[in-house]
C-alpha atoms as a PDB file:
ATOM      1  CA  MET A   1      15.140 -25.870  30.864  1.00  0.00           C
ATOM      2  CA  ARG A   2      15.159 -25.329  27.087  1.00  0.00           C
ATOM      3  CA  LYS A   3      17.200 -27.805  25.097  1.00  0.00           C
ATOM      4  CA  GLN A   4      20.047 -26.407  23.025  1.00  0.00           C
ATOM      5  CA  PRO A   5      20.304 -27.524  19.384  1.00  0.00           C
ATOM      6  CA  THR A   6      23.493 -29.094  18.090  1.00  0.00           C
ATOM      7  CA  PRO A   7      24.848 -26.535  15.581  1.00  0.00           C
ATOM      8  CA  LEU A   8      26.613 -27.196  12.331  1.00  0.00           C
ATOM      9  CA  ALA A   9      30.380 -27.252  12.852  1.00  0.00           C
ATOM     10  CA  GLN A  10      32.616 -24.308  12.027  1.00  0.00           C
ATOM     11  CA  GLY A  11      34.120 -24.775   8.567  1.00  0.00           C
ATOM     12  CA  TYR A  12      31.320 -27.048   7.352  1.00  0.00           C
ATOM     13  CA  VAL A  13      30.364 -26.334   3.721  1.00  0.00           C
ATOM     14  CA  LEU A  14      26.620 -26.312   3.116  1.00  0.00           C
ATOM     15  CA  LYS A  15      25.443 -25.883  -0.487  1.00  0.00           C
ATOM     16  CA  GLY A  16      28.243 -23.457  -1.328  1.00  0.00           C
ATOM     17  CA  TYR A  17      28.259 -21.653   2.032  1.00  0.00           C
ATOM     18  CA  ARG A  18      30.999 -22.163   4.638  1.00  0.00           C
ATOM     19  CA  ILE A  19      29.805 -21.982   8.243  1.00  0.00           C
ATOM     20  CA  GLU A  20      31.952 -19.507  10.211  1.00  0.00           C
ATOM     21  CA  LYS A  21      30.188 -19.514  13.577  1.00  0.00           C
ATOM     22  CA  THR A  22      26.835 -19.881  15.306  1.00  0.00           C
ATOM     23  CA  LEU A  23      25.151 -16.528  15.936  1.00  0.00           C
ATOM     24  CA  GLY A  24      22.316 -17.861  18.042  1.00  0.00           C
ATOM     25  CA  GLY A  25      18.808 -19.120  17.588  1.00  0.00           C
ATOM     26  CA  GLY A  26      15.694 -19.996  19.496  1.00  0.00           C
ATOM     27  CA  GLY A  27      13.411 -22.914  20.107  1.00  0.00           C
ATOM     28  CA  PHE A  28      12.720 -23.347  16.408  1.00  0.00           C
ATOM     29  CA  SER A  29      15.937 -22.485  14.588  1.00  0.00           C
ATOM     30  CA  SER A  30      19.693 -22.087  14.569  1.00  0.00           C
ATOM     31  CA  VAL A  31      21.322 -19.021  12.982  1.00  0.00           C
ATOM     32  CA  TYR A  32      24.820 -18.988  11.495  1.00  0.00           C
ATOM     33  CA  LEU A  33      27.305 -16.514  10.105  1.00  0.00           C
ATOM     34  CA  ALA A  34      28.614 -18.013   6.874  1.00  0.00           C
ATOM     35  CA  THR A  35      30.609 -17.108   3.782  1.00  0.00           C
ATOM     36  CA  ASP A  36      29.136 -17.360   0.307  1.00  0.00           C
ATOM     37  CA  LEU A  37      32.022 -19.108  -1.432  1.00  0.00           C
ATOM     38  CA  ALA A  38      30.922 -17.958  -4.905  1.00  0.00           C
ATOM     39  CA  SER A  39      31.085 -14.249  -4.035  1.00  0.00           C
ATOM     40  CA  ASP A  40      33.289 -14.370  -0.895  1.00  0.00           C
ATOM     41  CA  THR A  41      30.718 -12.296   1.018  1.00  0.00           C
ATOM     42  CA  PRO A  42      29.305 -12.818   4.520  1.00  0.00           C
ATOM     43  CA  VAL A  43      25.736 -14.071   4.839  1.00  0.00           C
ATOM     44  CA  VAL A  44      23.385 -15.204   7.583  1.00  0.00           C
ATOM     45  CA  ILE A  45      21.827 -18.667   7.315  1.00  0.00           C
ATOM     46  CA  LYS A  46      18.777 -19.708   9.297  1.00  0.00           C
ATOM     47  CA  GLU A  47      18.152 -23.426   9.787  1.00  0.00           C
ATOM     48  CA  PHE A  48      14.800 -24.922  10.761  1.00  0.00           C
ATOM     49  CA  LEU A  49      15.539 -26.928  13.911  1.00  0.00           C
ATOM     50  CA  PRO A  50      12.716 -27.058  16.483  1.00  0.00           C
ATOM     51  CA  VAL A  51      14.424 -28.514  19.527  1.00  0.00           C
ATOM     52  CA  THR A  52      11.232 -29.911  21.077  1.00  0.00           C
ATOM     53  CA  GLN A  53      10.450 -31.837  17.892  1.00  0.00           C
ATOM     54  CA  ALA A  54      13.769 -32.845  16.287  1.00  0.00           C
ATOM     55  CA  CYS A  55      17.504 -33.190  16.790  1.00  0.00           C
ATOM     56  CA  ARG A  56      20.630 -33.545  14.675  1.00  0.00           C
ATOM     57  CA  GLY A  57      22.053 -37.025  14.289  1.00  0.00           C
ATOM     58  CA  PRO A  58      25.730 -38.014  13.982  1.00  0.00           C
ATOM     59  CA  ASP A  59      25.485 -37.817  10.178  1.00  0.00           C
ATOM     60  CA  GLY A  60      24.236 -34.203  10.339  1.00  0.00           C
ATOM     61  CA  ARG A  61      20.649 -35.005   9.387  1.00  0.00           C
ATOM     62  CA  VAL A  62      17.810 -33.513  11.380  1.00  0.00           C
ATOM     63  CA  GLU A  63      15.328 -36.179  12.474  1.00  0.00           C
ATOM     64  CA  PRO A  64      12.103 -36.053  14.530  1.00  0.00           C
ATOM     65  CA  LEU A  65      12.502 -37.032  18.169  1.00  0.00           C
ATOM     66  CA  SER A  66       9.624 -39.502  18.028  1.00  0.00           C
ATOM     67  CA  GLU A  67       6.638 -40.630  16.006  1.00  0.00           C
ATOM     68  CA  GLU A  68       4.549 -38.175  18.020  1.00  0.00           C
ATOM     69  CA  THR A  69       6.651 -35.163  16.954  1.00  0.00           C
ATOM     70  CA  ALA A  70       7.138 -36.286  13.339  1.00  0.00           C
ATOM     71  CA  ALA A  71       3.863 -34.764  12.101  1.00  0.00           C
ATOM     72  CA  LEU A  72       4.553 -31.428  13.814  1.00  0.00           C
ATOM     73  CA  PHE A  73       8.081 -31.362  12.430  1.00  0.00           C
ATOM     74  CA  SER A  74       6.884 -32.160   8.917  1.00  0.00           C
ATOM     75  CA  SER A  75       4.196 -29.455   8.905  1.00  0.00           C
ATOM     76  CA  GLY A  76       6.569 -26.917  10.440  1.00  0.00           C
ATOM     77  CA  LEU A  77       9.228 -27.724   7.860  1.00  0.00           C
ATOM     78  CA  LYS A  78       6.790 -27.209   4.990  1.00  0.00           C
ATOM     79  CA  ARG A  79       5.621 -23.901   6.470  1.00  0.00           C
ATOM     80  CA  PHE A  80       9.218 -22.700   6.968  1.00  0.00           C
ATOM     81  CA  PHE A  81      10.106 -23.527   3.358  1.00  0.00           C
ATOM     82  CA  ASP A  82       6.923 -22.002   1.902  1.00  0.00           C
ATOM     83  CA  GLU A  83       7.390 -18.810   3.897  1.00  0.00           C
ATOM     84  CA  ALA A  84      11.045 -18.578   2.847  1.00  0.00           C
ATOM     85  CA  ALA A  85       9.840 -18.763  -0.762  1.00  0.00           C
ATOM     86  CA  ALA A  86       7.284 -15.999  -0.115  1.00  0.00           C
ATOM     87  CA  LEU A  87       9.867 -13.776   1.624  1.00  0.00           C
ATOM     88  CA  ALA A  88      12.307 -14.262  -1.255  1.00  0.00           C
ATOM     89  CA  LYS A  89       9.829 -12.380  -3.462  1.00  0.00           C
ATOM     90  CA  LEU A  90       9.941  -9.318  -1.189  1.00  0.00           C
ATOM     91  CA  ASN A  91      12.286  -6.478  -2.038  1.00  0.00           C
ATOM     92  CA  HIS A  92      11.947  -3.619   0.448  1.00  0.00           C
ATOM     93  CA  PRO A  93      14.794  -1.621   2.029  1.00  0.00           C
ATOM     94  CA  ASN A  94      13.381  -2.109   5.535  1.00  0.00           C
ATOM     95  CA  ILE A  95      12.651  -5.852   5.333  1.00  0.00           C
ATOM     96  CA  VAL A  96      15.494  -8.352   5.504  1.00  0.00           C
ATOM     97  CA  GLN A  97      15.924  -9.960   2.101  1.00  0.00           C
ATOM     98  CA  VAL A  98      15.952 -13.728   1.610  1.00  0.00           C
ATOM     99  CA  THR A  99      18.475 -14.294  -1.195  1.00  0.00           C
ATOM    100  CA  ASN A 100      18.326 -18.095  -1.278  1.00  0.00           C
ATOM    101  CA  PHE A 101      16.485 -20.996   0.318  1.00  0.00           C
ATOM    102  CA  PHE A 102      16.963 -24.738  -0.004  1.00  0.00           C
ATOM    103  CA  ARG A 103      16.471 -28.147   1.574  1.00  0.00           C
ATOM    104  CA  ALA A 104      19.344 -30.193   3.003  1.00  0.00           C
ATOM    105  CA  HIS A 105      19.922 -32.620   5.899  1.00  0.00           C
ATOM    106  CA  ASN A 106      16.183 -33.367   6.037  1.00  0.00           C
ATOM    107  CA  THR A 107      15.439 -29.745   6.970  1.00  0.00           C
ATOM    108  CA  ALA A 108      15.334 -26.301   5.315  1.00  0.00           C
ATOM    109  CA  TYR A 109      17.520 -23.194   5.234  1.00  0.00           C
ATOM    110  CA  MET A 110      17.110 -19.554   4.260  1.00  0.00           C
ATOM    111  CA  VAL A 111      20.016 -17.260   3.356  1.00  0.00           C
ATOM    112  CA  MET A 112      20.070 -13.502   4.032  1.00  0.00           C
ATOM    113  CA  PRO A 113      22.673 -10.744   3.650  1.00  0.00           C
ATOM    114  CA  TYR A 114      24.817 -10.023   6.699  1.00  0.00           C
ATOM    115  CA  GLU A 115      23.924  -6.512   7.894  1.00  0.00           C
ATOM    116  CA  ILE A 116      26.016  -4.299  10.180  1.00  0.00           C
ATOM    117  CA  GLY A 117      24.221  -2.537  13.013  1.00  0.00           C
ATOM    118  CA  ARG A 118      22.743  -2.836  16.513  1.00  0.00           C
ATOM    119  CA  ASP A 119      19.282  -4.011  17.406  1.00  0.00           C
ATOM    120  CA  LEU A 120      16.786  -1.670  19.024  1.00  0.00           C
ATOM    121  CA  ARG A 121      17.131  -3.546  22.313  1.00  0.00           C
ATOM    122  CA  TRP A 122      20.772  -2.348  22.501  1.00  0.00           C
ATOM    123  CA  TYR A 123      19.694   1.299  22.215  1.00  0.00           C
ATOM    124  CA  ILE A 124      16.918   0.893  24.782  1.00  0.00           C
ATOM    125  CA  LYS A 125      19.324  -0.576  27.336  1.00  0.00           C
ATOM    126  CA  ARG A 126      21.710   2.354  26.897  1.00  0.00           C
ATOM    127  CA  HIS A 127      19.003   5.007  27.311  1.00  0.00           C
ATOM    128  CA  PRO A 128      17.108   3.950  30.449  1.00  0.00           C
ATOM    129  CA  GLY A 129      15.505   7.392  30.673  1.00  0.00           C
ATOM    130  CA  GLY A 130      13.802   6.860  27.320  1.00  0.00           C
ATOM    131  CA  LEU A 131      14.751   7.410  23.703  1.00  0.00           C
ATOM    132  CA  SER A 132      13.777  10.729  22.134  1.00  0.00           C
ATOM    133  CA  GLU A 133      10.705  11.378  20.031  1.00  0.00           C
ATOM    134  CA  LYS A 134      13.015  12.285  17.158  1.00  0.00           C
ATOM    135  CA  PHE A 135      14.511   8.797  17.462  1.00  0.00           C
ATOM    136  CA  LEU A 136      11.056   7.196  17.318  1.00  0.00           C
ATOM    137  CA  ARG A 137      10.071   9.283  14.296  1.00  0.00           C
ATOM    138  CA  THR A 138      13.294   8.317  12.533  1.00  0.00           C
ATOM    139  CA  VAL A 139      12.939   4.572  13.145  1.00  0.00           C
ATOM    140  CA  PHE A 140       9.254   3.665  13.049  1.00  0.00           C
ATOM    141  CA  PRO A 141       7.821   5.315   9.880  1.00  0.00           C
ATOM    142  CA  PRO A 142      10.188   3.469   7.504  1.00  0.00           C
ATOM    143  CA  LEU A 143       9.752   0.301   9.567  1.00  0.00           C
ATOM    144  CA  LEU A 144       5.983   0.627   9.174  1.00  0.00           C
ATOM    145  CA  LEU A 145       6.351   1.095   5.431  1.00  0.00           C
ATOM    146  CA  GLY A 146       8.246  -2.191   5.304  1.00  0.00           C
ATOM    147  CA  LEU A 147       5.594  -3.871   7.422  1.00  0.00           C
ATOM    148  CA  ASP A 148       2.887  -2.558   5.093  1.00  0.00           C
ATOM    149  CA  GLU A 149       4.674  -4.196   2.164  1.00  0.00           C
ATOM    150  CA  LEU A 150       4.763  -7.473   4.113  1.00  0.00           C
ATOM    151  CA  HIS A 151       1.042  -7.269   4.891  1.00  0.00           C
ATOM    152  CA  THR A 152       0.230  -6.329   1.283  1.00  0.00           C
ATOM    153  CA  ARG A 153       1.869  -9.609   0.223  1.00  0.00           C
ATOM    154  CA  GLY A 154      -0.433 -11.489   2.596  1.00  0.00           C
ATOM    155  CA  LEU A 155       2.167 -12.193   5.292  1.00  0.00           C
ATOM    156  CA  LEU A 156       2.268 -11.448   9.019  1.00  0.00           C
ATOM    157  CA  HIS A 157       5.492 -11.197  11.049  1.00  0.00           C
ATOM    158  CA  LEU A 158       4.074 -12.193  14.473  1.00  0.00           C
ATOM    159  CA  ASP A 159       7.281 -11.640  16.467  1.00  0.00           C
ATOM    160  CA  ILE A 160       8.048  -7.916  16.205  1.00  0.00           C
ATOM    161  CA  LYS A 161      10.080  -6.745  19.179  1.00  0.00           C
ATOM    162  CA  PRO A 162      13.187  -4.587  19.772  1.00  0.00           C
ATOM    163  CA  ALA A 163      15.518  -7.590  19.355  1.00  0.00           C
ATOM    164  CA  ASN A 164      14.158  -8.081  15.820  1.00  0.00           C
ATOM    165  CA  ILE A 165      14.586  -4.464  14.710  1.00  0.00           C
ATOM    166  CA  LEU A 166      18.118  -3.825  13.455  1.00  0.00           C
ATOM    167  CA  LEU A 167      19.306  -0.228  13.192  1.00  0.00           C
ATOM    168  CA  ARG A 168      21.932   0.256  10.535  1.00  0.00           C
ATOM    169  CA  PRO A 169      24.193   3.333  10.316  1.00  0.00           C
ATOM    170  CA  GLY A 170      22.080   6.495  10.326  1.00  0.00           C
ATOM    171  CA  GLY A 171      19.216   4.797  12.189  1.00  0.00           C
ATOM    172  CA  ASN A 172      17.916   3.044   9.054  1.00  0.00           C
ATOM    173  CA  PRO A 173      15.772   0.172  10.421  1.00  0.00           C
ATOM    174  CA  LEU A 174      15.559  -3.381   9.174  1.00  0.00           C
ATOM    175  CA  LEU A 175      12.895  -5.852  10.315  1.00  0.00           C
ATOM    176  CA  LEU A 176      14.511  -9.232  11.044  1.00  0.00           C
ATOM    177  CA  ASP A 177      13.651 -12.808  11.997  1.00  0.00           C
ATOM    178  CA  PHE A 178      10.624 -14.149  10.190  1.00  0.00           C
ATOM    179  CA  GLY A 179      10.644 -17.480  12.010  1.00  0.00           C
ATOM    180  CA  ALA A 180       7.107 -16.886  13.265  1.00  0.00           C
ATOM    181  CA  ALA A 181       5.744 -15.428  10.019  1.00  0.00           C
ATOM    182  CA  GLN A 182       2.643 -16.852   8.425  1.00  0.00           C
ATOM    183  CA  LYS A 183       0.098 -16.083   5.738  1.00  0.00           C
ATOM    184  CA  THR A 184      -2.762 -13.876   6.873  1.00  0.00           C
ATOM    185  CA  LEU A 185      -5.479 -16.358   5.922  1.00  0.00           C
ATOM    186  CA  GLU A 186      -3.929 -19.298   7.761  1.00  0.00           C
ATOM    187  CA  ARG A 187      -5.209 -20.493  11.096  1.00  0.00           C
ATOM    188  CA  PRO A 188      -2.439 -20.623  13.725  1.00  0.00           C
ATOM    189  CA  ALA A 189      -0.958 -24.110  13.483  1.00  0.00           C
ATOM    190  CA  GLY A 190       1.189 -25.970  15.958  1.00  0.00           C
ATOM    191  CA  MET A 191       3.660 -24.215  18.199  1.00  0.00           C
ATOM    192  CA  ARG A 192       4.540 -20.641  17.286  1.00  0.00           C
ATOM    193  CA  THR A 193       7.189 -18.263  18.509  1.00  0.00           C
ATOM    194  CA  LEU A 194       5.849 -15.360  20.562  1.00  0.00           C
ATOM    195  CA  THR A 195       7.401 -12.962  23.052  1.00  0.00           C
ATOM    196  CA  ALA A 196       5.560 -12.074  26.253  1.00  0.00           C
ATOM    197  CA  GLY A 197       4.867  -8.351  26.462  1.00  0.00           C
ATOM    198  CA  PHE A 198       5.001  -7.872  22.702  1.00  0.00           C
ATOM    199  CA  ALA A 199       2.434 -10.486  21.637  1.00  0.00           C
ATOM    200  CA  PRO A 200      -1.263  -9.550  21.991  1.00  0.00           C
ATOM    201  CA  LEU A 201      -3.785 -11.861  23.583  1.00  0.00           C
ATOM    202  CA  GLU A 202      -4.965 -13.401  20.308  1.00  0.00           C
ATOM    203  CA  GLN A 203      -1.522 -14.953  19.816  1.00  0.00           C
ATOM    204  CA  HIS A 204      -1.592 -16.558  23.264  1.00  0.00           C
ATOM    205  CA  ILE A 205      -5.047 -18.071  22.808  1.00  0.00           C
ATOM    206  CA  LYS A 206      -4.797 -18.835  19.050  1.00  0.00           C
ATOM    207  CA  GLY A 207      -7.422 -16.226  18.308  1.00  0.00           C
ATOM    208  CA  HIS A 208      -8.130 -14.211  15.171  1.00  0.00           C
ATOM    209  CA  ILE A 209      -4.833 -12.735  13.987  1.00  0.00           C
ATOM    210  CA  GLY A 210      -4.219 -10.122  11.310  1.00  0.00           C
ATOM    211  CA  PRO A 211      -2.287  -6.880  10.662  1.00  0.00           C
ATOM    212  CA  TRP A 212      -3.643  -5.550  13.977  1.00  0.00           C
ATOM    213  CA  THR A 213      -1.625  -8.303  15.689  1.00  0.00           C
ATOM    214  CA  ASP A 214       1.672  -6.959  14.339  1.00  0.00           C
ATOM    215  CA  LEU A 215       0.572  -3.403  15.170  1.00  0.00           C
ATOM    216  CA  TYR A 216       0.145  -4.324  18.835  1.00  0.00           C
ATOM    217  CA  ALA A 217       3.798  -5.401  18.762  1.00  0.00           C
ATOM    218  CA  ILE A 218       4.788  -2.129  17.067  1.00  0.00           C
ATOM    219  CA  GLY A 219       3.068  -0.174  19.850  1.00  0.00           C
ATOM    220  CA  ALA A 220       4.710  -2.362  22.496  1.00  0.00           C
ATOM    221  CA  SER A 221       8.136  -1.799  20.898  1.00  0.00           C
ATOM    222  CA  MET A 222       7.554   1.966  20.892  1.00  0.00           C
ATOM    223  CA  TRP A 223       6.437   1.784  24.533  1.00  0.00           C
ATOM    224  CA  ALA A 224       9.691  -0.030  25.383  1.00  0.00           C
ATOM    225  CA  CYS A 225      11.589   2.891  23.814  1.00  0.00           C
ATOM    226  CA  LEU A 226       9.842   5.230  26.278  1.00  0.00           C
ATOM    227  CA  SER A 227       9.972   3.059  29.392  1.00  0.00           C
ATOM    228  CA  GLY A 228      13.178   1.060  28.953  1.00  0.00           C
ATOM    229  CA  ARG A 229      11.379  -2.264  29.483  1.00  0.00           C
ATOM    230  CA  ALA A 230       8.847  -4.615  27.948  1.00  0.00           C
ATOM    231  CA  PRO A 231       5.135  -4.033  28.610  1.00  0.00           C
ATOM    232  CA  PRO A 232       3.304  -6.485  30.899  1.00  0.00           C
ATOM    233  CA  PRO A 233       2.215  -9.718  29.169  1.00  0.00           C
ATOM    234  CA  ALA A 234      -1.181  -9.588  27.490  1.00  0.00           C
ATOM    235  CA  THR A 235      -2.242 -12.642  29.514  1.00  0.00           C
ATOM    236  CA  ALA A 236      -1.700 -10.673  32.731  1.00  0.00           C
ATOM    237  CA  ARG A 237      -3.566  -7.686  31.297  1.00  0.00           C
ATOM    238  CA  ALA A 238      -6.474  -9.976  30.411  1.00  0.00           C
ATOM    239  CA  THR A 239      -6.779 -11.031  34.056  1.00  0.00           C
ATOM    240  CA  LYS A 240      -6.464  -7.556  35.585  1.00  0.00           C
ATOM    241  CA  ASP A 241      -5.461  -4.709  33.315  1.00  0.00           C
ATOM    242  CA  THR A 242      -3.639  -2.103  35.401  1.00  0.00           C
ATOM    243  CA  PHE A 243      -1.456  -1.039  32.470  1.00  0.00           C
ATOM    244  CA  LYS A 244      -1.520   2.764  32.191  1.00  0.00           C
ATOM    245  CA  GLY A 245      -0.136   2.870  28.695  1.00  0.00           C
ATOM    246  CA  ALA A 246       1.983   5.671  27.283  1.00  0.00           C
ATOM    247  CA  ARG A 247       0.113   8.639  28.746  1.00  0.00           C
ATOM    248  CA  ARG A 248       2.339   8.651  31.841  1.00  0.00           C
ATOM    249  CA  TYR A 249       5.155   9.954  29.595  1.00  0.00           C
ATOM    250  CA  GLY A 250       3.211  13.039  28.485  1.00  0.00           C
ATOM    251  CA  ARG A 251       5.764  15.554  29.687  1.00  0.00           C
ATOM    252  CA  ARG A 252       8.434  14.351  27.289  1.00  0.00           C
ATOM    253  CA  TYR A 253       6.515  13.176  24.218  1.00  0.00           C
ATOM    254  CA  SER A 254       3.829  14.649  21.989  1.00  0.00           C
ATOM    255  CA  PRO A 255       0.185  13.620  22.528  1.00  0.00           C
ATOM    256  CA  GLN A 256       0.185  12.240  18.991  1.00  0.00           C
ATOM    257  CA  ILE A 257       2.962   9.705  19.666  1.00  0.00           C
ATOM    258  CA  LEU A 258       1.445   8.671  23.006  1.00  0.00           C
ATOM    259  CA  GLU A 259      -2.029   8.229  21.543  1.00  0.00           C
ATOM    260  CA  ALA A 260      -0.629   6.186  18.656  1.00  0.00           C
ATOM    261  CA  ILE A 261       1.099   3.822  21.091  1.00  0.00           C
ATOM    262  CA  ASP A 262      -2.003   3.424  23.248  1.00  0.00           C
ATOM    263  CA  TRP A 263      -4.160   2.866  20.163  1.00  0.00           C
ATOM    264  CA  CYS A 264      -1.917   0.025  19.014  1.00  0.00           C
ATOM    265  CA  MET A 265      -1.869  -1.567  22.454  1.00  0.00           C
ATOM    266  CA  GLN A 266      -5.611  -1.865  22.979  1.00  0.00           C
ATOM    267  CA  MET A 267      -6.511  -5.308  24.296  1.00  0.00           C
ATOM    268  CA  ASP A 268      -9.567  -5.464  22.021  1.00  0.00           C
ATOM    269  CA  GLN A 269      -8.175  -6.040  18.546  1.00  0.00           C
ATOM    270  CA  LEU A 270     -11.121  -4.180  17.006  1.00  0.00           C
ATOM    271  CA  GLN A 271     -10.043  -1.047  18.888  1.00  0.00           C
ATOM    272  CA  ARG A 272      -6.553  -1.045  17.316  1.00  0.00           C
ATOM    273  CA  PRO A 273      -5.594   0.296  13.895  1.00  0.00           C
ATOM    274  CA  GLN A 274      -6.640  -2.394  11.458  1.00  0.00           C
ATOM    275  CA  ASN A 275      -3.790  -1.789   9.040  1.00  0.00           C
ATOM    276  CA  VAL A 276      -0.480   0.042   8.816  1.00  0.00           C
ATOM    277  CA  ARG A 277      -1.822   2.832   6.642  1.00  0.00           C
ATOM    278  CA  GLN A 278      -4.333   3.868   9.306  1.00  0.00           C
ATOM    279  CA  LEU A 279      -1.524   4.244  11.827  1.00  0.00           C
ATOM    280  CA  LEU A 280       0.754   6.145   9.446  1.00  0.00           C
ATOM    281  CA  ALA A 281      -2.098   8.442   8.456  1.00  0.00           C
ATOM    282  CA  PHE A 282      -2.830   9.198  12.108  1.00  0.00           C
ATOM    283  CA  LEU A 283       0.821  10.004  12.772  1.00  0.00           C
ATOM    284  CA  SER A 284       0.752  12.495   9.886  1.00  0.00           C
ATOM    285  CA  GLU A 285      -2.389  14.352  10.966  1.00  0.00           C
ATOM    286  CA  THR A 286      -0.874  17.006  13.211  1.00  0.00           C
ATOM    287  CA  PRO A 287       2.155  18.911  11.873  1.00  0.00           C
ATOM    288  CA  ARG A 288       4.800  19.506  14.484  1.00  0.00           C
ATOM    289  CA  GLN A 289       7.328  21.711  12.734  1.00  0.00           C
ATOM    290  CA  GLU A 290       7.975  25.353  11.949  1.00  0.00           C
ATOM    291  CA  PRO A 291       7.050  26.558   8.436  1.00  0.00           C
ATOM    292  CA  GLY A 292       9.604  25.303   5.961  1.00  0.00           C
ATOM    293  CA  ASP A 293      11.152  22.882   8.479  1.00  0.00           C
ATOM    294  CA  LYS A 294       9.850  19.414   7.750  1.00  0.00           C
ATOM    295  CA  SER A 295      10.151  16.681  10.327  1.00  0.00           C
ATOM    296  CA  ASP A 296      11.424  13.215   9.438  1.00  0.00           C
ATOM    297  CA  ILE A 297       7.910  11.854   9.121  1.00  0.00           C
ATOM    298  CA  GLY A 298       6.854  14.855   7.038  1.00  0.00           C
ATOM    299  CA  ARG A 299       9.457  13.950   4.461  1.00  0.00           C
ATOM    300  CA  TRP A 300       8.138  10.369   4.349  1.00  0.00           C
ATOM    301  CA  PHE A 301       4.630  11.608   3.603  1.00  0.00           C
ATOM    302  CA  ASP A 302       5.861  13.930   0.871  1.00  0.00           C
ATOM    303  CA  LYS A 303       7.425  10.869  -0.729  1.00  0.00           C
ATOM    304  CA  TRP A 304       4.310   8.706  -0.319  1.00  0.00           C
ATOM    305  CA  PRO A 305       1.278  11.102  -0.386  1.00  0.00           C
ATOM    306  CA  TRP A 306      -1.170   8.193  -0.579  1.00  0.00           C
ATOM    307  CA  LEU A 307      -0.449   7.585   3.121  1.00  0.00           C
ATOM    308  CA  ARG A 308      -2.456  10.695   4.020  1.00  0.00           C
ATOM    309  CA  LEU A 309      -5.585   8.717   4.776  1.00  0.00           C
ATOM    310  CA  LYS A 310      -8.035   9.534   7.535  1.00  0.00           C
ATOM    311  CA  ARG A 311      -8.279   7.385  10.610  1.00  0.00           C
ATOM    312  CA  SER A 312     -11.493   5.402  10.468  1.00  0.00           C
END
C-alpha cells in the first residue's frame, strides 16, 4: 500500500503563499491550492516529496528516510529544481506556466496559476461511447503545438495521459503535471513516474527515450477518447501483443485519425513519428471539409504553415 505524505497544514504561509487545501499528489509530490498574498490570487503549488525516500518531520522539514534513500532524494531534488527552472522559461498557451520556484524546508516547490476546467479523463468517463472526431481535432492539435515547444526546448513530459490534460472553457487544452519531465539528453535516473497503458515500453525498461516516447502517450490518450478506457500496458503487449489498435473504430472516425493513433502506438519506437511536426503534418495531409469550410485543424495550419511537412 502506497504511503501518504504528510501535507502542509491549511493556513500555513510558505514564502508569501498561504496554503488553502491539499489538492492531491502522487508518489513523488504533494499539490496544494494556495493564495498568493501579494496579488490575492489563487495558485497551485507543487512540492517535491517522494514518499518512498523522504518524510516530513515535526518541524516541517522534509528529510530522507534513511542513509540509503538520501542519495536518491538529493538527486531527485536537484532534478526537480532544475526542471522547474527550465519550465519557468516556457511561455506557451497550452503548457502550464511555472511562475515561481524556490527551495524551503529542505525540499523544492514550483508555483503555477490556478486554472479552471476539467481534465480529459472527466470527459472520457461521461462519454463511454467515445468522444467525437471534432472533439479530438479541437483538443489535440493545440496540445501538440505546446508539446512541440516543450521538445524544442530539450524537455520531455513523460507522463502524458487524460488526467494531465486540462480542458478550459471552449475546449482549450493545457498540458499539466511535469513531475516526470526530464531533459532529452539525460539517461533515465532513479525512480520515475509512469502510467501503465500510456507509457511505452522504453519507459518501463529504461530504454532510449525521446519525443517518440511522448507521442506514444498522445496516441494512447486519443485511443482512450475513442474507447473510454486506457490501452493495455506496453509490458503486456511486449509479451503477447493482441492489441488491435484504433482500426476497430473505423465506422465512426476518419481513416486519418485512426492511422495517426496507430502510428503513435507502435511498439517499435522507430516505427512511430519521431517528432511532433511529423504527426501534425500527417494530420493535415487529407482535407476533410467542403470548399470554403475550414475544419479546426485547417485553421491551425493556416496559422502555422511551416507545419505542412511531409511524413518521412
